[in-house]
Amino acid sequence: MWTLHDNYNDSISHCWSNSIVGCPMHVLTKKLQLLINSLKSRNWDIFGNTHVIVKNSSNNLAKIEDKIFLDGNNPHLRDQEQLAQLYLEKSLEERKILVG
C-alpha cells in the first residue's frame, strides 16, 4: 500500500541517506528505526485510523439504508447507498492490507 503512494521512494531514500557513525550493525539498526518511524508517521498521515474510517463508513451506509426503508424506493437514495457500499468496501480492503 505504501509503495503505491507518491513520494514513497523519496521517503525511503531520505531515511537511508542519513549519515550514522558506528559499526555496520549499529548503522543498519538506526537506519531501520528511522525507516520504521517514517513509515508509521506516513501511514497515519495518509491512511488515518482505518478502524474509525470503517466504522464511520458502516454507520453512513446504515443511515442511508434506514432512509430507504422509511422513504421507499428513492433513486437518489439508491445512488447514495451504492456509493456508500463502494466506500465501505474500499475502507475494508485498505484496513485488511494495512492491518493484515
Protein backbone atom coordinates (compact mmCIF):
# COMPACT_ATOMS: atom_id res chain seq x y z
CA MET A 1 0.00 0.00 0.00
CA TRP A 2 2.79 2.43 0.89
CA THR A 3 4.63 1.63 -2.31
CA LEU A 4 1.69 2.88 -4.37
CA HIS A 5 1.74 6.33 -2.79
CA ASP A 6 3.59 9.35 -4.14
CA ASN A 7 6.97 10.13 -2.61
CA TYR A 8 7.40 6.61 -1.21
CA ASN A 9 10.83 6.21 -2.80
CA ASP A 10 11.88 9.69 -1.68
CA SER A 11 10.91 8.85 1.89
CA ILE A 12 12.95 5.63 1.82
CA SER A 13 15.93 7.39 0.25
CA HIS A 14 15.79 10.16 2.83
CA CYS A 15 15.87 7.69 5.75
CA TRP A 16 18.62 5.61 4.18
CA SER A 17 20.84 8.56 3.24
CA ASN A 18 21.24 9.75 6.85
CA SER A 19 24.85 9.64 7.97
CA ILE A 20 25.20 7.46 11.06
CA VAL A 21 28.52 6.64 12.70
CA GLY A 22 29.27 3.27 14.26
CA CYS A 23 29.75 -0.38 13.46
CA PRO A 24 27.77 -1.71 10.48
CA MET A 25 25.17 -3.44 12.69
CA HIS A 26 24.57 -0.21 14.64
CA VAL A 27 24.22 1.81 11.42
CA LEU A 28 21.75 -0.73 10.00
CA THR A 29 19.70 -0.78 13.21
CA LYS A 30 19.49 3.02 13.40
CA LYS A 31 18.52 3.36 9.73
CA LEU A 32 15.81 0.72 10.15
CA GLN A 33 14.49 2.58 13.21
CA LEU A 34 14.34 5.81 11.19
CA LEU A 35 12.55 3.99 8.39
CA ILE A 36 10.01 2.39 10.74
CA ASN A 37 9.21 5.73 12.37
CA SER A 38 8.86 7.37 8.96
CA LEU A 39 6.51 4.64 7.68
CA LYS A 40 4.38 4.76 10.84
CA SER A 41 4.02 8.51 10.51
CA ARG A 42 3.20 8.29 6.80
CA ASN A 43 0.71 5.52 7.49
CA TRP A 44 -1.20 7.71 9.93
CA ASP A 45 -0.95 10.87 7.80
CA ILE A 46 -2.03 9.17 4.60
CA PHE A 47 -4.46 6.48 5.66
CA GLY A 48 -5.62 7.71 9.08
CA ASN A 49 -7.21 5.44 11.63
CA THR A 50 -8.61 2.70 9.41
CA HIS A 51 -10.81 1.28 12.19
CA VAL A 52 -12.58 4.62 12.62
CA ILE A 53 -12.93 5.07 8.86
CA VAL A 54 -14.55 1.62 8.52
CA LYS A 55 -16.88 2.29 11.45
CA ASN A 56 -17.95 5.67 10.03
CA SER A 57 -18.46 4.15 6.58
CA SER A 58 -20.59 1.39 8.04
CA ASN A 59 -22.67 3.86 10.06
CA ASN A 60 -23.18 6.05 6.99
CA LEU A 61 -24.38 3.06 4.97
CA ALA A 62 -26.77 2.04 7.77
CA LYS A 63 -28.27 5.56 7.89
CA ILE A 64 -28.86 5.55 4.14
CA GLU A 65 -30.44 2.09 4.32
CA ASP A 66 -32.73 3.31 7.12
CA LYS A 67 -33.82 6.24 4.95
CA ILE A 68 -34.54 3.85 2.07
CA PHE A 69 -36.61 1.70 4.41
CA LEU A 70 -38.62 4.72 5.60
CA ASP A 71 -38.90 6.66 2.33
CA GLY A 72 -39.30 3.80 -0.09
CA ASN A 73 -37.51 3.29 -3.36
CA ASN A 74 -35.94 6.69 -3.99
CA PRO A 75 -33.43 6.68 -6.90
CA HIS A 76 -31.28 9.35 -5.22
CA LEU A 77 -31.04 7.28 -2.03
CA ARG A 78 -30.22 4.16 -4.06
CA ASP A 79 -27.33 6.03 -5.68
CA GLN A 80 -26.11 7.17 -2.26
CA GLU A 81 -26.39 3.60 -0.98
CA GLN A 82 -24.32 2.29 -3.87
CA LEU A 83 -21.60 4.90 -3.29
CA ALA A 84 -21.60 4.21 0.46
CA GLN A 85 -21.22 0.47 -0.19
CA LEU A 86 -18.28 1.09 -2.52
CA TYR A 87 -16.61 3.37 0.03
CA LEU A 88 -17.12 0.80 2.80
CA GLU A 89 -15.64 -1.96 0.63
CA LYS A 90 -12.64 0.25 -0.18
CA SER A 91 -12.16 1.08 3.51
CA LEU A 92 -12.34 -2.59 4.49
CA GLU A 93 -9.81 -3.52 1.81
CA GLU A 94 -7.38 -0.81 2.95
CA ARG A 95 -7.72 -1.93 6.56
CA LYS A 96 -7.13 -5.54 5.52
CA ILE A 97 -3.96 -4.57 3.65
CA LEU A 98 -2.64 -2.34 6.44
CA VAL A 99 -3.57 -4.50 9.43
CA GLY A 100 -3.01 -7.86 7.84
